[in-house]
Amino acid sequence: MNTAKRCRTVVLGASVAALGVAGACTDANAASDAHAPRAVAAHARAKPRRRPRPRAAPHAPYVYAIHVGGEINVERADVQCSGSSIKFTRSSLVMPETSAATALFYRNESSWGKRVTITAGPATKITISWTPPAERREAEAEANAHNGEIRNPRLQGQEDTGLASTVCAATAPNAGLGDIGEGEVTWRLPRPVTSLAALLAQPATSVYTNEYMLVFEILPDGSVPNFAAFQALEPAQQ
């Protein structure tokens, strides 16, 4: 099985290479780095899971936040553009994060832990970590010195957010984007839903990636530099 266990730093370029490390991962050189090879197009990152954030009480009955999980796959793009939307296929719903999601869990217990498809509509907010070029090089050096661990919080990246439509506008139509290992998906709906199928039929409001391998980055201003579509890093087993 050619799937990459968490956590893995992936560098994708004209000559394909994959570097595996344990613990926290550094980003690969990004398109914004003037000194980086322009062929470099993919990076993976894992960060410690955030503490649960308090939910706004007035909207709590209609806020469905769910933790998703899985292994990063370097053979295929399980995250892909579909027009100006993004499809997250083979995502596993592993943990409800809000009371509304917990209630939904008890009504749909057999569906949890199974692979599903999540849609991020054009207005869905996507959050990933971004590290400036100079700090990225320092992070790579620290990871190499400490068996893949990045101990300095300054070098662990900052969270930046952009729209799904902005991501897909920066690449070819229906491009593959990579894969997500762990994250949190949130729906904020005007009325409650009574089934998981009804929830998944709605575009998510936001997607937070905690661990991923993606071929794009989001800069602090919400823009996304142009990038090439994902290409498999390892040949599939027959």
C-alpha atoms as a PDB file:
ATOM      1  CA  MET A   1       0.000   0.000   0.000  1.00  0.00           C
ATOM      2  CA  ASN A   2       1.669   3.172  -1.162  1.00  0.00           C
ATOM      3  CA  THR A   3       0.170   5.642   1.249  1.00  0.00           C
ATOM      4  CA  ALA A   4       2.328   7.930   3.339  1.00  0.00           C
ATOM      5  CA  LYS A   5       1.861   7.709   7.081  1.00  0.00           C
ATOM      6  CA  ARG A   6       1.691  10.979   8.953  1.00  0.00           C
ATOM      7  CA  CYS A   7       3.833  12.990   8.823  1.00  0.00           C
ATOM      8  CA  ARG A   8       5.548  13.398   5.451  1.00  0.00           C
ATOM      9  CA  THR A   9       7.241  16.300   3.725  1.00  0.00           C
ATOM     10  CA  VAL A  10       6.789  16.090  -0.013  1.00  0.00           C
ATOM     11  CA  VAL A  11       8.741  17.979  -2.644  1.00  0.00           C
ATOM     12  CA  LEU A  12       7.400  17.697  -6.170  1.00  0.00           C
ATOM     13  CA  GLY A  13       9.410  19.012  -9.080  1.00  0.00           C
ATOM     14  CA  ALA A  14      10.857  18.202 -12.477  1.00  0.00           C
ATOM     15  CA  SER A  15      12.730  15.299 -10.847  1.00  0.00           C
ATOM     16  CA  VAL A  16      10.260  13.698  -8.447  1.00  0.00           C
ATOM     17  CA  ALA A  17      11.482  13.126  -4.891  1.00  0.00           C
ATOM     18  CA  ALA A  18       9.812  12.402  -1.571  1.00  0.00           C
ATOM     19  CA  LEU A  19      11.391  13.023   1.813  1.00  0.00           C
ATOM     20  CA  GLY A  20       9.879  11.329   4.879  1.00  0.00           C
ATOM     21  CA  VAL A  21      10.384  12.709   8.380  1.00  0.00           C
ATOM     22  CA  ALA A  22       8.812  12.061  11.767  1.00  0.00           C
ATOM     23  CA  GLY A  23       7.012  14.667  13.829  1.00  0.00           C
ATOM     24  CA  ALA A  24       6.208  18.168  12.587  1.00  0.00           C
ATOM     25  CA  CYS A  25       6.867  18.819   8.917  1.00  0.00           C
ATOM     26  CA  THR A  26       8.159  21.850   7.079  1.00  0.00           C
ATOM     27  CA  ASP A  27       6.649  23.389   3.990  1.00  0.00           C
ATOM     28  CA  ALA A  28       8.439  22.923   0.696  1.00  0.00           C
ATOM     29  CA  ASN A  29       9.763  25.986  -1.111  1.00  0.00           C
ATOM     30  CA  ALA A  30       6.742  27.992  -2.226  1.00  0.00           C
ATOM     31  CA  ALA A  31       6.029  29.830  -5.458  1.00  0.00           C
ATOM     32  CA  SER A  32       6.398  33.124  -3.604  1.00  0.00           C
ATOM     33  CA  ASP A  33      10.061  32.435  -2.849  1.00  0.00           C
ATOM     34  CA  ALA A  34      12.089  34.241  -5.473  1.00  0.00           C
ATOM     35  CA  HIS A  35      15.060  32.000  -4.777  1.00  0.00           C
ATOM     36  CA  ALA A  36      13.125  28.730  -4.964  1.00  0.00           C
ATOM     37  CA  PRO A  37      13.135  26.453  -8.035  1.00  0.00           C
ATOM     38  CA  ARG A  38       9.922  27.189  -9.883  1.00  0.00           C
ATOM     39  CA  ALA A  39       9.375  23.462 -10.489  1.00  0.00           C
ATOM     40  CA  VAL A  40       8.823  22.840  -6.787  1.00  0.00           C
ATOM     41  CA  ALA A  41       5.071  22.550  -6.390  1.00  0.00           C
ATOM     42  CA  ALA A  42       4.000  20.504  -3.385  1.00  0.00           C
ATOM     43  CA  HIS A  43       4.347  20.586   0.345  1.00  0.00           C
ATOM     44  CA  ALA A  44       3.024  18.757   3.351  1.00  0.00           C
ATOM     45  CA  ARG A  45       2.632  19.967   6.863  1.00  0.00           C
ATOM     46  CA  ALA A  46       1.501  18.651  10.216  1.00  0.00           C
ATOM     47  CA  LYS A  47       0.851  20.825  13.235  1.00  0.00           C
ATOM     48  CA  PRO A  48      -0.236  19.959  16.774  1.00  0.00           C
ATOM     49  CA  ARG A  49      -4.000  19.763  16.970  1.00  0.00           C
ATOM     50  CA  ARG A  50      -5.510  23.012  18.152  1.00  0.00           C
ATOM     51  CA  ARG A  51      -7.478  23.234  21.347  1.00  0.00           C
ATOM     52  CA  PRO A  52     -11.255  23.220  20.716  1.00  0.00           C
ATOM     53  CA  ARG A  53     -12.450  26.718  19.994  1.00  0.00           C
ATOM     54  CA  PRO A  54     -15.555  28.078  21.765  1.00  0.00           C
ATOM     55  CA  ARG A  55     -18.576  28.231  19.484  1.00  0.00           C
ATOM     56  CA  ALA A  56     -20.840  31.251  19.243  1.00  0.00           C
ATOM     57  CA  ALA A  57     -23.894  30.423  21.373  1.00  0.00           C
ATOM     58  CA  PRO A  58     -26.608  32.120  19.233  1.00  0.00           C
ATOM     59  CA  HIS A  59     -25.702  29.965  16.205  1.00  0.00           C
ATOM     60  CA  ALA A  60     -24.674  26.789  18.020  1.00  0.00           C
ATOM     61  CA  PRO A  61     -27.704  24.640  17.026  1.00  0.00           C
ATOM     62  CA  TYR A  62     -26.874  25.121  13.331  1.00  0.00           C
ATOM     63  CA  VAL A  63     -23.077  24.918  13.440  1.00  0.00           C
ATOM     64  CA  TYR A  64     -21.796  21.495  12.406  1.00  0.00           C
ATOM     65  CA  ALA A  65     -18.041  21.162  12.979  1.00  0.00           C
ATOM     66  CA  ILE A  66     -16.538  17.740  12.294  1.00  0.00           C
ATOM     67  CA  HIS A  67     -12.983  16.477  12.578  1.00  0.00           C
ATOM     68  CA  VAL A  68     -11.822  14.539   9.507  1.00  0.00           C
ATOM     69  CA  GLY A  69      -8.897  12.168   9.371  1.00  0.00           C
ATOM     70  CA  GLY A  70      -6.968   9.705   7.278  1.00  0.00           C
ATOM     71  CA  GLU A  71      -3.573   8.884   5.833  1.00  0.00           C
ATOM     72  CA  ILE A  72      -1.946  11.164   3.268  1.00  0.00           C
ATOM     73  CA  ASN A  73      -1.989   9.537  -0.152  1.00  0.00           C
ATOM     74  CA  VAL A  74       0.854  10.291  -2.566  1.00  0.00           C
ATOM     75  CA  GLU A  75      -0.559   8.230  -5.431  1.00  0.00           C
ATOM     76  CA  ARG A  76      -3.681  10.210  -6.298  1.00  0.00           C
ATOM     77  CA  ALA A  77      -5.317  13.542  -5.703  1.00  0.00           C
ATOM     78  CA  ASP A  78      -8.159  13.026  -3.244  1.00  0.00           C
ATOM     79  CA  VAL A  79      -8.682  16.797  -3.233  1.00  0.00           C
ATOM     80  CA  GLN A  80      -9.619  18.202  -6.627  1.00  0.00           C
ATOM     81  CA  CYS A  81     -11.083  21.341  -8.184  1.00  0.00           C
ATOM     82  CA  SER A  82     -14.519  21.036  -9.737  1.00  0.00           C
ATOM     83  CA  GLY A  83     -15.088  24.303 -11.529  1.00  0.00           C
ATOM     84  CA  SER A  84     -14.706  26.940  -8.808  1.00  0.00           C
ATOM     85  CA  SER A  85     -15.521  24.430  -6.060  1.00  0.00           C
ATOM     86  CA  ILE A  86     -13.269  21.843  -4.405  1.00  0.00           C
ATOM     87  CA  LYS A  87     -14.185  18.204  -3.812  1.00  0.00           C
ATOM     88  CA  PHE A  88     -12.653  16.343  -0.860  1.00  0.00           C
ATOM     89  CA  THR A  89     -13.161  12.675  -1.692  1.00  0.00           C
ATOM     90  CA  ARG A  90     -12.360   9.754   0.587  1.00  0.00           C
ATOM     91  CA  SER A  91     -12.522  11.960   3.687  1.00  0.00           C
ATOM     92  CA  SER A  92     -13.341  10.089   6.893  1.00  0.00           C
ATOM     93  CA  LEU A  93     -15.555  11.799   9.485  1.00  0.00           C
ATOM     94  CA  VAL A  94     -14.030  10.772  12.787  1.00  0.00           C
ATOM     95  CA  MET A  95     -15.122  13.166  15.530  1.00  0.00           C
ATOM     96  CA  PRO A  96     -17.982  15.649  16.005  1.00  0.00           C
ATOM     97  CA  GLU A  97     -16.768  18.962  17.396  1.00  0.00           C
ATOM     98  CA  THR A  98     -20.053  20.768  18.213  1.00  0.00           C
ATOM     99  CA  SER A  99     -23.286  19.797  19.949  1.00  0.00           C
ATOM    100  CA  ALA A 100     -25.207  19.882  16.672  1.00  0.00           C
ATOM    101  CA  ALA A 101     -22.682  17.546  15.049  1.00  0.00           C
ATOM    102  CA  THR A 102     -22.807  15.244  18.075  1.00  0.00           C
ATOM    103  CA  ALA A 103     -26.600  14.992  17.819  1.00  0.00           C
ATOM    104  CA  LEU A 104     -26.220  14.208  14.128  1.00  0.00           C
ATOM    105  CA  PHE A 105     -23.687  11.527  15.013  1.00  0.00           C
ATOM    106  CA  TYR A 106     -26.146   9.651  17.221  1.00  0.00           C
ATOM    107  CA  ARG A 107     -28.774   9.705  14.465  1.00  0.00           C
ATOM    108  CA  ASN A 108     -26.288   8.439  11.849  1.00  0.00           C
ATOM    109  CA  GLU A 109     -23.826   6.271  13.792  1.00  0.00           C
ATOM    110  CA  SER A 110     -23.310   3.754  10.970  1.00  0.00           C
ATOM    111  CA  SER A 111     -22.061   6.510   8.623  1.00  0.00           C
ATOM    112  CA  TRP A 112     -19.210   7.731  10.812  1.00  0.00           C
ATOM    113  CA  GLY A 113     -15.719   6.530  10.045  1.00  0.00           C
ATOM    114  CA  LYS A 114     -16.678   5.793   6.447  1.00  0.00           C
ATOM    115  CA  ARG A 115     -15.241   7.609   3.442  1.00  0.00           C
ATOM    116  CA  VAL A 116     -17.425  10.441   2.159  1.00  0.00           C
ATOM    117  CA  THR A 117     -17.167  13.356  -0.269  1.00  0.00           C
ATOM    118  CA  ILE A 118     -17.173  16.900   1.111  1.00  0.00           C
ATOM    119  CA  THR A 119     -17.777  19.908  -1.124  1.00  0.00           C
ATOM    120  CA  ALA A 120     -16.160  23.288  -0.607  1.00  0.00           C
ATOM    121  CA  GLY A 121     -18.212  25.766  -2.633  1.00  0.00           C
ATOM    122  CA  PRO A 122     -16.677  28.850  -4.286  1.00  0.00           C
ATOM    123  CA  ALA A 123     -17.160  30.885  -1.080  1.00  0.00           C
ATOM    124  CA  THR A 124     -15.830  28.186   1.287  1.00  0.00           C
ATOM    125  CA  LYS A 125     -12.860  29.429   3.306  1.00  0.00           C
ATOM    126  CA  ILE A 126      -9.761  27.206   3.135  1.00  0.00           C
ATOM    127  CA  THR A 127      -7.109  27.627   5.842  1.00  0.00           C
ATOM    128  CA  ILE A 128      -3.594  26.233   5.552  1.00  0.00           C
ATOM    129  CA  SER A 129      -0.278  27.198   7.116  1.00  0.00           C
ATOM    130  CA  TRP A 130       2.201  29.404   5.302  1.00  0.00           C
ATOM    131  CA  THR A 131       5.815  30.102   6.268  1.00  0.00           C
ATOM    132  CA  PRO A 132       7.806  32.997   4.754  1.00  0.00           C
ATOM    133  CA  PRO A 133      10.783  31.847   2.647  1.00  0.00           C
ATOM    134  CA  ALA A 134      13.524  32.775   5.142  1.00  0.00           C
ATOM    135  CA  GLU A 135      11.755  31.090   8.063  1.00  0.00           C
ATOM    136  CA  ARG A 136      11.001  28.080   5.842  1.00  0.00           C
ATOM    137  CA  ARG A 137      14.701  27.515   5.243  1.00  0.00           C
ATOM    138  CA  GLU A 138      15.369  27.812   8.988  1.00  0.00           C
ATOM    139  CA  ALA A 139      12.562  25.325   9.678  1.00  0.00           C
ATOM    140  CA  GLU A 140      14.032  22.825   7.241  1.00  0.00           C
ATOM    141  CA  ALA A 141      17.423  23.138   8.947  1.00  0.00           C
ATOM    142  CA  GLU A 142      15.877  22.669  12.401  1.00  0.00           C
ATOM    143  CA  ALA A 143      13.900  19.634  11.206  1.00  0.00           C
ATOM    144  CA  ASN A 144      17.055  18.084   9.792  1.00  0.00           C
ATOM    145  CA  ALA A 145      18.864  18.688  13.094  1.00  0.00           C
ATOM    146  CA  HIS A 146      16.087  17.244  15.300  1.00  0.00           C
ATOM    147  CA  ASN A 147      14.855  14.185  13.404  1.00  0.00           C
ATOM    148  CA  GLY A 148      12.037  16.059  11.687  1.00  0.00           C
ATOM    149  CA  GLU A 149      10.860  18.033  14.741  1.00  0.00           C
ATOM    150  CA  ILE A 150      10.412  21.817  14.536  1.00  0.00           C
ATOM    151  CA  ARG A 151      10.693  23.107  18.091  1.00  0.00           C
ATOM    152  CA  ASN A 152      10.668  26.852  17.501  1.00  0.00           C
ATOM    153  CA  PRO A 153       7.045  28.135  17.308  1.00  0.00           C
ATOM    154  CA  ARG A 154       8.222  30.991  15.074  1.00  0.00           C
ATOM    155  CA  LEU A 155       9.163  28.440  12.432  1.00  0.00           C
ATOM    156  CA  GLN A 156       5.931  26.439  12.531  1.00  0.00           C
ATOM    157  CA  GLY A 157       4.070  28.683  10.139  1.00  0.00           C
ATOM    158  CA  GLN A 158       1.090  30.994  10.307  1.00  0.00           C
ATOM    159  CA  GLU A 159      -2.466  30.210   9.334  1.00  0.00           C
ATOM    160  CA  ASP A 160      -3.736  32.004   6.241  1.00  0.00           C
ATOM    161  CA  THR A 161      -7.153  31.744   4.625  1.00  0.00           C
ATOM    162  CA  GLY A 162      -8.399  32.023   1.055  1.00  0.00           C
ATOM    163  CA  LEU A 163     -11.513  31.055  -0.892  1.00  0.00           C
ATOM    164  CA  ALA A 164     -11.942  27.769  -2.744  1.00  0.00           C
ATOM    165  CA  SER A 165     -12.695  29.759  -5.906  1.00  0.00           C
ATOM    166  CA  THR A 166      -9.372  31.615  -5.550  1.00  0.00           C
ATOM    167  CA  VAL A 167      -7.495  28.327  -5.235  1.00  0.00           C
ATOM    168  CA  CYS A 168      -9.079  26.827  -8.361  1.00  0.00           C
ATOM    169  CA  ALA A 169      -8.650  30.036 -10.363  1.00  0.00           C
ATOM    170  CA  ALA A 170      -4.876  29.750  -9.862  1.00  0.00           C
ATOM    171  CA  THR A 171      -4.507  26.458 -11.744  1.00  0.00           C
ATOM    172  CA  ALA A 172      -5.861  24.416 -14.640  1.00  0.00           C
ATOM    173  CA  PRO A 173      -9.585  23.511 -14.733  1.00  0.00           C
ATOM    174  CA  ASN A 174     -10.473  20.528 -12.519  1.00  0.00           C
ATOM    175  CA  ALA A 175      -6.876  20.218 -11.340  1.00  0.00           C
ATOM    176  CA  GLY A 176      -5.858  17.762  -8.648  1.00  0.00           C
ATOM    177  CA  LEU A 177      -4.718  19.523  -5.468  1.00  0.00           C
ATOM    178  CA  GLY A 178      -3.318  16.710  -3.317  1.00  0.00           C
ATOM    179  CA  ASP A 179      -4.659  15.183  -0.100  1.00  0.00           C
ATOM    180  CA  ILE A 180      -5.570  16.060   3.477  1.00  0.00           C
ATOM    181  CA  GLY A 181      -4.602  13.857   6.393  1.00  0.00           C
ATOM    182  CA  GLU A 182      -6.365  15.698   9.221  1.00  0.00           C
ATOM    183  CA  GLY A 183      -8.502  18.772   9.517  1.00  0.00           C
ATOM    184  CA  GLU A 184     -11.781  20.285  10.630  1.00  0.00           C
ATOM    185  CA  VAL A 185     -14.760  20.995   8.387  1.00  0.00           C
ATOM    186  CA  THR A 186     -17.505  23.384   9.489  1.00  0.00           C
ATOM    187  CA  TRP A 187     -20.988  24.024   8.118  1.00  0.00           C
ATOM    188  CA  ARG A 188     -22.999  27.038   9.298  1.00  0.00           C
ATOM    189  CA  LEU A 189     -26.569  26.499   8.134  1.00  0.00           C
ATOM    190  CA  PRO A 190     -29.731  28.615   8.453  1.00  0.00           C
ATOM    191  CA  ARG A 191     -31.696  25.553   9.615  1.00  0.00           C
ATOM    192  CA  PRO A 192     -30.794  22.190  11.160  1.00  0.00           C
ATOM    193  CA  VAL A 193     -30.350  18.990   9.177  1.00  0.00           C
ATOM    194  CA  THR A 194     -31.461  15.548  10.301  1.00  0.00           C
ATOM    195  CA  SER A 195     -29.115  13.311   8.324  1.00  0.00           C
ATOM    196  CA  LEU A 196     -25.457  13.171   7.375  1.00  0.00           C
ATOM    197  CA  ALA A 197     -26.461  12.955   3.708  1.00  0.00           C
ATOM    198  CA  ALA A 198     -28.335  16.249   4.025  1.00  0.00           C
ATOM    199  CA  LEU A 199     -25.316  17.865   5.652  1.00  0.00           C
ATOM    200  CA  LEU A 200     -22.899  16.639   2.978  1.00  0.00           C
ATOM    201  CA  ALA A 201     -25.227  17.949   0.263  1.00  0.00           C
ATOM    202  CA  GLN A 202     -24.440  21.475   1.508  1.00  0.00           C
ATOM    203  CA  PRO A 203     -21.147  23.231   0.703  1.00  0.00           C
ATOM    204  CA  ALA A 204     -18.963  23.577   3.770  1.00  0.00           C
ATOM    205  CA  THR A 205     -18.486  27.026   5.252  1.00  0.00           C
ATOM    206  CA  SER A 206     -14.830  26.479   6.131  1.00  0.00           C
ATOM    207  CA  VAL A 207     -12.096  23.850   5.952  1.00  0.00           C
ATOM    208  CA  TYR A 208      -9.131  23.962   8.337  1.00  0.00           C
ATOM    209  CA  THR A 209      -6.223  21.689   7.394  1.00  0.00           C
ATOM    210  CA  ASN A 210      -4.171  20.339  10.275  1.00  0.00           C
ATOM    211  CA  GLU A 211      -2.083  17.927   8.211  1.00  0.00           C
ATOM    212  CA  TYR A 212      -1.893  17.847   4.443  1.00  0.00           C
ATOM    213  CA  MET A 213      -0.036  17.460   1.188  1.00  0.00           C
ATOM    214  CA  LEU A 214      -1.205  20.144  -1.210  1.00  0.00           C
ATOM    215  CA  VAL A 215       0.321  21.706  -4.311  1.00  0.00           C
ATOM    216  CA  PHE A 216      -0.828  25.266  -3.569  1.00  0.00           C
ATOM    217  CA  GLU A 217      -0.253  27.818  -0.861  1.00  0.00           C
ATOM    218  CA  ILE A 218      -2.332  30.692   0.471  1.00  0.00           C
ATOM    219  CA  LEU A 219      -0.499  33.920   1.200  1.00  0.00           C
ATOM    220  CA  PRO A 220      -1.300  36.296   4.099  1.00  0.00           C
ATOM    221  CA  ASP A 221      -3.427  38.519   1.826  1.00  0.00           C
ATOM    222  CA  GLY A 222      -5.621  35.552   0.822  1.00  0.00           C
ATOM    223  CA  SER A 223      -4.162  35.267  -2.683  1.00  0.00           C
ATOM    224  CA  VAL A 224      -2.973  32.003  -4.229  1.00  0.00           C
ATOM    225  CA  PRO A 225       0.079  31.986  -6.543  1.00  0.00           C
ATOM    226  CA  ASN A 226      -0.400  30.085  -9.818  1.00  0.00           C
ATOM    227  CA  PHE A 227       0.490  26.422  -9.435  1.00  0.00           C
ATOM    228  CA  ALA A 228       0.673  23.193 -11.423  1.00  0.00           C
ATOM    229  CA  ALA A 229      -1.814  20.369 -10.841  1.00  0.00           C
ATOM    230  CA  PHE A 230      -0.895  17.504  -8.518  1.00  0.00           C
ATOM    231  CA  GLN A 231       1.038  14.582  -9.989  1.00  0.00           C
ATOM    232  CA  ALA A 232       1.494  11.248  -8.242  1.00  0.00           C
ATOM    233  CA  LEU A 233       4.804  10.906  -6.433  1.00  0.00           C
ATOM    234  CA  GLU A 234       4.858   7.098  -6.414  1.00  0.00           C
ATOM    235  CA  PRO A 235       3.632   4.609  -9.026  1.00  0.00           C
ATOM    236  CA  ALA A 236       0.415   2.792  -8.117  1.00  0.00           C
ATOM    237  CA  GLN A 237       0.660  -0.887  -7.261  1.00  0.00           C
ATOM    238  CA  GLN A 238      -1.057  -3.242  -9.705  1.00  0.00           C
END
